[in-house]
Amino acid sequence: LDQARTLLLENGGYDCHVWSPLLPATSRHGGKACIVGLCTAWKSSKLALVESREIPRGLIVQLQEIDAGSGKGKGSCVCVGNLHLPAKPRAIYARLMSTVNACQHIERMTEKLWKKRRLQEMLPQRTDVTL
């Protein structure tokens, strides 16, 4: 992983990343350590990690755009579904199910974010609080 981190930083300035083993459940439950995995990388000056989720043969990452002046989230978000689809060309059903599963995770993550934003917009913003 250190070698991958160095390559990402030197070849484009990607200083943040999330890495997931290809089969996370196998690695966690006493199976062989998985050295093959999926990675999503980004520049911390432009994006911040909101959430990431490991799924079988996939990695879902939600990133939020950062305002350069304040260093805080602007509101624009992106969800990335990084999938390792079955190699067999005849495994069309497995490929479709992997893609559908990733899309459902992205949809749930997006809904959660929108609910949080709506709640924040409904709450009054007080700046005159004194203790």
Foldseek 3Di string as FASTA:
>chain_A
DVVVQVCVCVPPNQNDKDKAAQANVQCVPPHDHGPDTDMDTHHLLFWDWDDWDDDHQKIKTKIFTADNPPRDGPPDMDIDIGGDADPDPVVVVRRVVSVVVSVVVVVVVVVVVVVVVVVVVPDDDDDPDDD
